[in-house]
Amino acid sequence: MSLPLNRRTALRLGLAGATAGLLSTTALPALASDREEARDVLAQASSIYQKLKADPEFSMMPRYVERARAVMIFPRLIKGGFILGGEGGDGVLLVRDDAGRWSAPAFFSLAAASLGLQIGGQVSEVVLTIMNDGALDAILRDNFKLGADASIAVGPIGKGLEAGTTSNLEEDIYAFSKSQGLYGGASAEGAAIVEAEGYNTAFYGEGATAEDIVLHGRHDTDQADALRQALGS
């Protein structure tokens, strides 16, 4: 399944490769199509999650989702470059409350860069299961940084179980990833997951923050119903 590469992801990936730095959606100029692109990210996330859930290679993933405090889905994580490499994509975060209900989705971005002898390109569909409040809090309050090779699994189909870590946290997040394409050379280290404030504002309205969306229930959308149903209670 081929998904369109939105302009923010393309710009972030290109600039990451050129500057070997981390960029968030908030650093990019405002685009009139932010709301439409946010809708596309949510629709793609729902489609990708349901596809992976039905894939026998990912039969263990629903068990981790059942135990997870939150889930983050990147439907199209792009990695590529020639000499200078970059990795980037947009996704959604949903949090489960004490009653087992899933929140509305908040939008996040992943960006990284690497420098070294490398060539090729790769597209990955990634589901991150966030297993506890500590990891969730780190994502919401910090620029959450993944360790080297923790953002995607290696190979055309990765059943995941690569751990991402942050301050004082180990093996709190598990990544399930399905990849297409080949990529050789240095991998992106220090990948940062940051709130996509532009998408959250465009989708929910001025002042919408990830914390308000996923923890305080101040925003909602029926466009996430299919995804929430697929995640289960």
C-alpha atoms as a PDB file:
ATOM      1  CA  MET A   1       0.000   0.000   0.000  1.00  0.00           C
ATOM      2  CA  SER A   2       1.497   3.287  -1.125  1.00  0.00           C
ATOM      3  CA  LEU A   3       0.694   6.354   0.950  1.00  0.00           C
ATOM      4  CA  PRO A   4       1.309   9.931  -0.213  1.00  0.00           C
ATOM      5  CA  LEU A   5       4.214  11.802   1.315  1.00  0.00           C
ATOM      6  CA  ASN A   6       2.861  15.056   2.723  1.00  0.00           C
ATOM      7  CA  ARG A   7       4.758  18.290   2.294  1.00  0.00           C
ATOM      8  CA  ARG A   8       5.780  18.647   5.941  1.00  0.00           C
ATOM      9  CA  THR A   9       7.361  15.188   6.003  1.00  0.00           C
ATOM     10  CA  ALA A  10       9.135  15.815   2.701  1.00  0.00           C
ATOM     11  CA  LEU A  11      10.471  19.177   3.872  1.00  0.00           C
ATOM     12  CA  ARG A  12      11.537  17.839   7.273  1.00  0.00           C
ATOM     13  CA  LEU A  13      13.294  14.833   5.698  1.00  0.00           C
ATOM     14  CA  GLY A  14      15.093  16.973   3.149  1.00  0.00           C
ATOM     15  CA  LEU A  15      16.230  19.530   5.689  1.00  0.00           C
ATOM     16  CA  ALA A  16      17.296  16.841   8.146  1.00  0.00           C
ATOM     17  CA  GLY A  17      19.587  15.381   5.544  1.00  0.00           C
ATOM     18  CA  ALA A  18      20.932  18.792   4.622  1.00  0.00           C
ATOM     19  CA  THR A  19      21.523  20.124   8.118  1.00  0.00           C
ATOM     20  CA  ALA A  20      22.038  16.931  10.160  1.00  0.00           C
ATOM     21  CA  GLY A  21      19.715  18.404  12.787  1.00  0.00           C
ATOM     22  CA  LEU A  22      16.339  17.678  14.366  1.00  0.00           C
ATOM     23  CA  LEU A  23      13.256  19.572  13.257  1.00  0.00           C
ATOM     24  CA  SER A  24       9.730  19.652  14.625  1.00  0.00           C
ATOM     25  CA  THR A  25       6.546  20.516  12.788  1.00  0.00           C
ATOM     26  CA  THR A  26       6.410  23.728  14.807  1.00  0.00           C
ATOM     27  CA  ALA A  27       9.633  24.914  13.154  1.00  0.00           C
ATOM     28  CA  LEU A  28       8.121  24.751   9.667  1.00  0.00           C
ATOM     29  CA  PRO A  29       6.145  27.564   8.069  1.00  0.00           C
ATOM     30  CA  ALA A  30       2.392  27.359   8.437  1.00  0.00           C
ATOM     31  CA  LEU A  31       0.672  25.649   5.515  1.00  0.00           C
ATOM     32  CA  ALA A  32      -2.915  26.276   4.480  1.00  0.00           C
ATOM     33  CA  SER A  33      -3.470  22.540   4.055  1.00  0.00           C
ATOM     34  CA  ASP A  34      -2.466  21.585   7.623  1.00  0.00           C
ATOM     35  CA  ARG A  35      -5.970  20.451   8.540  1.00  0.00           C
ATOM     36  CA  GLU A  36      -6.323  18.331   5.405  1.00  0.00           C
ATOM     37  CA  GLU A  37      -2.885  16.781   5.948  1.00  0.00           C
ATOM     38  CA  ALA A  38      -3.701  16.058   9.597  1.00  0.00           C
ATOM     39  CA  ARG A  39      -6.851  14.259   8.492  1.00  0.00           C
ATOM     40  CA  ASP A  40      -4.781  12.232   6.041  1.00  0.00           C
ATOM     41  CA  VAL A  41      -2.285  11.245   8.755  1.00  0.00           C
ATOM     42  CA  LEU A  42      -5.134  10.069  11.005  1.00  0.00           C
ATOM     43  CA  ALA A  43      -6.833   8.131   8.199  1.00  0.00           C
ATOM     44  CA  GLN A  44      -3.548   6.499   7.205  1.00  0.00           C
ATOM     45  CA  ALA A  45      -2.763   5.618  10.822  1.00  0.00           C
ATOM     46  CA  SER A  46      -6.116   3.888  11.175  1.00  0.00           C
ATOM     47  CA  SER A  47      -5.633   1.970   7.917  1.00  0.00           C
ATOM     48  CA  ILE A  48      -2.063   0.914   8.726  1.00  0.00           C
ATOM     49  CA  TYR A  49      -2.902  -0.242  12.241  1.00  0.00           C
ATOM     50  CA  GLN A  50      -5.780  -2.392  11.004  1.00  0.00           C
ATOM     51  CA  LYS A  51      -3.563  -3.852   8.270  1.00  0.00           C
ATOM     52  CA  LEU A  52      -0.766  -4.762  10.688  1.00  0.00           C
ATOM     53  CA  LYS A  53      -3.250  -6.148  13.207  1.00  0.00           C
ATOM     54  CA  ALA A  54      -4.516  -8.568  10.559  1.00  0.00           C
ATOM     55  CA  ASP A  55      -0.990  -9.583   9.468  1.00  0.00           C
ATOM     56  CA  PRO A  56       0.101 -12.956  10.929  1.00  0.00           C
ATOM     57  CA  GLU A  57       3.650 -11.578  11.220  1.00  0.00           C
ATOM     58  CA  PHE A  58       2.331  -9.167  13.852  1.00  0.00           C
ATOM     59  CA  SER A  59       0.180 -11.564  15.832  1.00  0.00           C
ATOM     60  CA  MET A  60       1.878 -10.492  19.078  1.00  0.00           C
ATOM     61  CA  MET A  61       1.185  -6.780  18.580  1.00  0.00           C
ATOM     62  CA  PRO A  62      -2.417  -6.751  19.902  1.00  0.00           C
ATOM     63  CA  ARG A  63      -1.233  -8.333  23.155  1.00  0.00           C
ATOM     64  CA  TYR A  64       1.117  -5.414  23.728  1.00  0.00           C
ATOM     65  CA  VAL A  65      -1.605  -2.934  22.779  1.00  0.00           C
ATOM     66  CA  GLU A  66      -3.904  -4.545  25.346  1.00  0.00           C
ATOM     67  CA  ARG A  67      -1.305  -3.866  28.057  1.00  0.00           C
ATOM     68  CA  ALA A  68      -0.247  -0.446  26.776  1.00  0.00           C
ATOM     69  CA  ARG A  69      -0.911   2.879  28.443  1.00  0.00           C
ATOM     70  CA  ALA A  70      -0.745   4.573  25.050  1.00  0.00           C
ATOM     71  CA  VAL A  71      -0.138   3.824  21.387  1.00  0.00           C
ATOM     72  CA  MET A  72       1.682   5.895  18.789  1.00  0.00           C
ATOM     73  CA  ILE A  73       1.301   5.129  15.082  1.00  0.00           C
ATOM     74  CA  PHE A  74       3.512   6.464  12.289  1.00  0.00           C
ATOM     75  CA  PRO A  75       1.883   5.313   9.030  1.00  0.00           C
ATOM     76  CA  ARG A  76       4.755   6.452   6.825  1.00  0.00           C
ATOM     77  CA  LEU A  77       8.211   6.816   8.347  1.00  0.00           C
ATOM     78  CA  ILE A  78      10.654   7.759   5.606  1.00  0.00           C
ATOM     79  CA  LYS A  79      14.366   7.025   5.742  1.00  0.00           C
ATOM     80  CA  GLY A  80      16.675   7.826   2.878  1.00  0.00           C
ATOM     81  CA  GLY A  81      19.541   9.798   1.484  1.00  0.00           C
ATOM     82  CA  PHE A  82      22.797   9.801  -0.421  1.00  0.00           C
ATOM     83  CA  ILE A  83      25.812  10.465   1.851  1.00  0.00           C
ATOM     84  CA  LEU A  84      23.590  12.723   4.004  1.00  0.00           C
ATOM     85  CA  GLY A  85      20.609  10.818   5.390  1.00  0.00           C
ATOM     86  CA  GLY A  86      17.400  11.701   7.128  1.00  0.00           C
ATOM     87  CA  GLU A  87      14.411  10.068   8.727  1.00  0.00           C
ATOM     88  CA  GLY A  88      11.003  11.591   9.311  1.00  0.00           C
ATOM     89  CA  GLY A  89       7.272  11.166   9.464  1.00  0.00           C
ATOM     90  CA  ASP A  90       4.060  12.240  11.150  1.00  0.00           C
ATOM     91  CA  GLY A  91       1.831  10.136  13.370  1.00  0.00           C
ATOM     92  CA  VAL A  92      -0.773  10.076  16.116  1.00  0.00           C
ATOM     93  CA  LEU A  93      -0.761   9.335  19.842  1.00  0.00           C
ATOM     94  CA  LEU A  94      -3.775   7.868  21.659  1.00  0.00           C
ATOM     95  CA  VAL A  95      -3.890   7.272  25.428  1.00  0.00           C
ATOM     96  CA  ARG A  96      -6.055   4.787  27.329  1.00  0.00           C
ATOM     97  CA  ASP A  97      -7.862   6.094  30.422  1.00  0.00           C
ATOM     98  CA  ASP A  98      -8.582   4.178  33.637  1.00  0.00           C
ATOM     99  CA  ALA A  99     -11.889   2.936  32.204  1.00  0.00           C
ATOM    100  CA  GLY A 100     -10.151   1.503  29.125  1.00  0.00           C
ATOM    101  CA  ARG A 101     -11.378   4.168  26.706  1.00  0.00           C
ATOM    102  CA  TRP A 102      -9.014   5.585  24.104  1.00  0.00           C
ATOM    103  CA  SER A 103      -8.502   9.324  23.830  1.00  0.00           C
ATOM    104  CA  ALA A 104      -8.755  11.460  20.755  1.00  0.00           C
ATOM    105  CA  PRO A 105      -5.544  11.388  18.710  1.00  0.00           C
ATOM    106  CA  ALA A 106      -2.835  14.010  19.187  1.00  0.00           C
ATOM    107  CA  PHE A 107      -0.405  14.592  16.335  1.00  0.00           C
ATOM    108  CA  PHE A 108       3.335  14.084  16.680  1.00  0.00           C
ATOM    109  CA  SER A 109       6.348  14.087  14.366  1.00  0.00           C
ATOM    110  CA  LEU A 110       9.573  12.113  14.273  1.00  0.00           C
ATOM    111  CA  ALA A 111      12.737  13.626  12.833  1.00  0.00           C
ATOM    112  CA  ALA A 112      16.369  12.555  12.772  1.00  0.00           C
ATOM    113  CA  ALA A 113      19.482  12.961  10.670  1.00  0.00           C
ATOM    114  CA  SER A 114      22.683  11.040  10.128  1.00  0.00           C
ATOM    115  CA  LEU A 115      25.955  11.648   8.329  1.00  0.00           C
ATOM    116  CA  GLY A 116      28.016   8.918   6.760  1.00  0.00           C
ATOM    117  CA  LEU A 117      28.422   6.644   3.767  1.00  0.00           C
ATOM    118  CA  GLN A 118      24.869   5.588   2.952  1.00  0.00           C
ATOM    119  CA  ILE A 119      22.561   5.142   0.012  1.00  0.00           C
ATOM    120  CA  GLY A 120      19.014   4.010  -0.589  1.00  0.00           C
ATOM    121  CA  GLY A 121      15.569   4.618   0.776  1.00  0.00           C
ATOM    122  CA  GLN A 122      13.080   2.912   3.059  1.00  0.00           C
ATOM    123  CA  VAL A 123       9.465   3.386   4.069  1.00  0.00           C
ATOM    124  CA  SER A 124       8.262   1.925   7.360  1.00  0.00           C
ATOM    125  CA  GLU A 125       4.864   1.581   8.994  1.00  0.00           C
ATOM    126  CA  VAL A 126       5.476   1.808  12.726  1.00  0.00           C
ATOM    127  CA  VAL A 127       3.372   1.163  15.828  1.00  0.00           C
ATOM    128  CA  LEU A 128       4.867   2.086  19.200  1.00  0.00           C
ATOM    129  CA  THR A 129       3.267   0.653  22.328  1.00  0.00           C
ATOM    130  CA  ILE A 130       3.936   2.874  25.348  1.00  0.00           C
ATOM    131  CA  MET A 131       3.709   0.656  28.383  1.00  0.00           C
ATOM    132  CA  ASN A 132       3.585   2.983  31.400  1.00  0.00           C
ATOM    133  CA  ASP A 133       2.940   6.498  32.687  1.00  0.00           C
ATOM    134  CA  GLY A 134       6.635   7.316  32.958  1.00  0.00           C
ATOM    135  CA  ALA A 135       7.256   6.806  29.256  1.00  0.00           C
ATOM    136  CA  LEU A 136       4.058   8.636  28.345  1.00  0.00           C
ATOM    137  CA  ASP A 137       5.007  11.585  30.519  1.00  0.00           C
ATOM    138  CA  ALA A 138       8.441  11.726  28.886  1.00  0.00           C
ATOM    139  CA  ILE A 139       6.865  11.898  25.446  1.00  0.00           C
ATOM    140  CA  LEU A 140       4.379  14.591  26.444  1.00  0.00           C
ATOM    141  CA  ARG A 141       6.794  16.784  28.393  1.00  0.00           C
ATOM    142  CA  ASP A 142      10.170  16.295  26.670  1.00  0.00           C
ATOM    143  CA  ASN A 143      11.531  15.993  23.169  1.00  0.00           C
ATOM    144  CA  PHE A 144      11.554  12.227  23.431  1.00  0.00           C
ATOM    145  CA  LYS A 145      14.710  10.752  21.857  1.00  0.00           C
ATOM    146  CA  LEU A 146      14.961   7.203  20.610  1.00  0.00           C
ATOM    147  CA  GLY A 147      18.225   5.336  20.802  1.00  0.00           C
ATOM    148  CA  ALA A 148      20.170   4.226  17.764  1.00  0.00           C
ATOM    149  CA  ASP A 149      18.181   1.771  15.607  1.00  0.00           C
ATOM    150  CA  ALA A 150      15.246   1.842  18.004  1.00  0.00           C
ATOM    151  CA  SER A 151      12.834   3.726  15.780  1.00  0.00           C
ATOM    152  CA  ILE A 152      12.348   1.010  13.149  1.00  0.00           C
ATOM    153  CA  ALA A 153      12.954  -2.725  12.906  1.00  0.00           C
ATOM    154  CA  VAL A 154      15.600  -4.105  10.537  1.00  0.00           C
ATOM    155  CA  GLY A 155      14.473  -6.012   7.475  1.00  0.00           C
ATOM    156  CA  PRO A 156      11.476  -5.973   5.128  1.00  0.00           C
ATOM    157  CA  ILE A 157       9.153  -7.171   7.926  1.00  0.00           C
ATOM    158  CA  GLY A 158      10.057  -6.500  11.522  1.00  0.00           C
ATOM    159  CA  LYS A 159       7.946  -7.980  14.285  1.00  0.00           C
ATOM    160  CA  GLY A 160       9.278  -5.262  16.506  1.00  0.00           C
ATOM    161  CA  LEU A 161      10.316  -5.636  20.103  1.00  0.00           C
ATOM    162  CA  GLU A 162      13.038  -3.021  19.752  1.00  0.00           C
ATOM    163  CA  ALA A 163      13.048  -0.814  22.849  1.00  0.00           C
ATOM    164  CA  GLY A 164      13.236   2.955  22.825  1.00  0.00           C
ATOM    165  CA  THR A 165      14.540   4.641  25.956  1.00  0.00           C
ATOM    166  CA  THR A 166      14.542   8.069  27.554  1.00  0.00           C
ATOM    167  CA  SER A 167      15.880   9.451  30.868  1.00  0.00           C
ATOM    168  CA  ASN A 168      15.772   6.748  33.553  1.00  0.00           C
ATOM    169  CA  LEU A 169      13.503   4.571  31.401  1.00  0.00           C
ATOM    170  CA  GLU A 170      14.385   1.238  29.812  1.00  0.00           C
ATOM    171  CA  GLU A 171      12.266  -1.034  27.659  1.00  0.00           C
ATOM    172  CA  ASP A 172       9.125   0.976  28.255  1.00  0.00           C
ATOM    173  CA  ILE A 173       8.239   1.300  24.565  1.00  0.00           C
ATOM    174  CA  TYR A 174       8.078  -1.474  21.983  1.00  0.00           C
ATOM    175  CA  ALA A 175       8.186  -0.843  18.226  1.00  0.00           C
ATOM    176  CA  PHE A 176       6.365  -2.960  15.652  1.00  0.00           C
ATOM    177  CA  SER A 177       7.495  -2.072  12.154  1.00  0.00           C
ATOM    178  CA  LYS A 178       6.939  -3.226   8.590  1.00  0.00           C
ATOM    179  CA  SER A 179       9.393  -1.820   6.065  1.00  0.00           C
ATOM    180  CA  GLN A 180       9.729  -1.638   2.304  1.00  0.00           C
ATOM    181  CA  GLY A 181      12.872  -0.791   0.402  1.00  0.00           C
ATOM    182  CA  LEU A 182      16.565  -1.127   1.153  1.00  0.00           C
ATOM    183  CA  TYR A 183      18.770   1.158   3.160  1.00  0.00           C
ATOM    184  CA  GLY A 184      22.482   0.738   3.701  1.00  0.00           C
ATOM    185  CA  GLY A 185      24.909   2.686   5.835  1.00  0.00           C
ATOM    186  CA  ALA A 186      24.812   4.683   9.034  1.00  0.00           C
ATOM    187  CA  SER A 187      21.496   4.639  10.859  1.00  0.00           C
ATOM    188  CA  ALA A 188      19.745   7.680  12.294  1.00  0.00           C
ATOM    189  CA  GLU A 189      20.625   8.156  15.952  1.00  0.00           C
ATOM    190  CA  GLY A 190      18.903  10.360  18.490  1.00  0.00           C
ATOM    191  CA  ALA A 191      15.603  10.408  16.634  1.00  0.00           C
ATOM    192  CA  ALA A 192      13.276  12.855  18.388  1.00  0.00           C
ATOM    193  CA  ILE A 193       9.517  12.552  18.743  1.00  0.00           C
ATOM    194  CA  VAL A 194       7.978  16.006  19.159  1.00  0.00           C
ATOM    195  CA  GLU A 195       4.460  17.398  19.306  1.00  0.00           C
ATOM    196  CA  ALA A 196       3.137  18.531  15.923  1.00  0.00           C
ATOM    197  CA  GLU A 197       1.585  21.710  17.278  1.00  0.00           C
ATOM    198  CA  GLY A 198       0.619  22.956  13.830  1.00  0.00           C
ATOM    199  CA  TYR A 199      -1.435  19.859  13.106  1.00  0.00           C
ATOM    200  CA  ASN A 200      -3.068  19.841  16.559  1.00  0.00           C
ATOM    201  CA  THR A 201      -4.077  23.479  16.186  1.00  0.00           C
ATOM    202  CA  ALA A 202      -5.320  23.064  12.630  1.00  0.00           C
ATOM    203  CA  PHE A 203      -7.308  19.930  13.455  1.00  0.00           C
ATOM    204  CA  TYR A 204      -8.824  20.865  16.834  1.00  0.00           C
ATOM    205  CA  GLY A 205      -8.595  24.650  17.010  1.00  0.00           C
ATOM    206  CA  GLU A 206      -6.381  27.355  18.449  1.00  0.00           C
ATOM    207  CA  GLY A 207      -4.691  26.436  21.713  1.00  0.00           C
ATOM    208  CA  ALA A 208      -5.125  22.670  21.399  1.00  0.00           C
ATOM    209  CA  THR A 209      -2.203  20.832  22.994  1.00  0.00           C
ATOM    210  CA  ALA A 210      -1.312  17.170  23.045  1.00  0.00           C
ATOM    211  CA  GLU A 211      -1.798  17.000  26.814  1.00  0.00           C
ATOM    212  CA  ASP A 212      -5.261  18.574  26.584  1.00  0.00           C
ATOM    213  CA  ILE A 213      -6.212  16.137  23.838  1.00  0.00           C
ATOM    214  CA  VAL A 214      -4.992  12.835  25.264  1.00  0.00           C
ATOM    215  CA  LEU A 215      -5.113  13.396  29.044  1.00  0.00           C
ATOM    216  CA  HIS A 216      -7.821  15.972  29.756  1.00  0.00           C
ATOM    217  CA  GLY A 217     -10.368  15.080  27.071  1.00  0.00           C
ATOM    218  CA  ARG A 218     -10.858  18.700  26.015  1.00  0.00           C
ATOM    219  CA  HIS A 219     -10.996  17.778  22.337  1.00  0.00           C
ATOM    220  CA  ASP A 220     -12.468  14.873  20.405  1.00  0.00           C
ATOM    221  CA  THR A 221     -13.305  13.778  16.873  1.00  0.00           C
ATOM    222  CA  ASP A 222     -15.475  11.059  15.398  1.00  0.00           C
ATOM    223  CA  GLN A 223     -12.843  10.678  12.682  1.00  0.00           C
ATOM    224  CA  ALA A 224     -10.879   8.537  15.172  1.00  0.00           C
ATOM    225  CA  ASP A 225     -13.739   6.118  15.887  1.00  0.00           C
ATOM    226  CA  ALA A 226     -12.523   3.426  13.480  1.00  0.00           C
ATOM    227  CA  LEU A 227      -9.015   3.512  14.944  1.00  0.00           C
ATOM    228  CA  ARG A 228     -10.265   3.418  18.529  1.00  0.00           C
ATOM    229  CA  GLN A 229     -12.474   0.475  17.707  1.00  0.00           C
ATOM    230  CA  ALA A 230      -9.529  -1.362  16.145  1.00  0.00           C
ATOM    231  CA  LEU A 231      -7.405  -0.695  19.238  1.00  0.00           C
ATOM    232  CA  GLY A 232     -10.111  -2.225  21.430  1.00  0.00           C
ATOM    233  CA  SER A 233     -10.842  -1.649  25.101  1.00  0.00           C
END
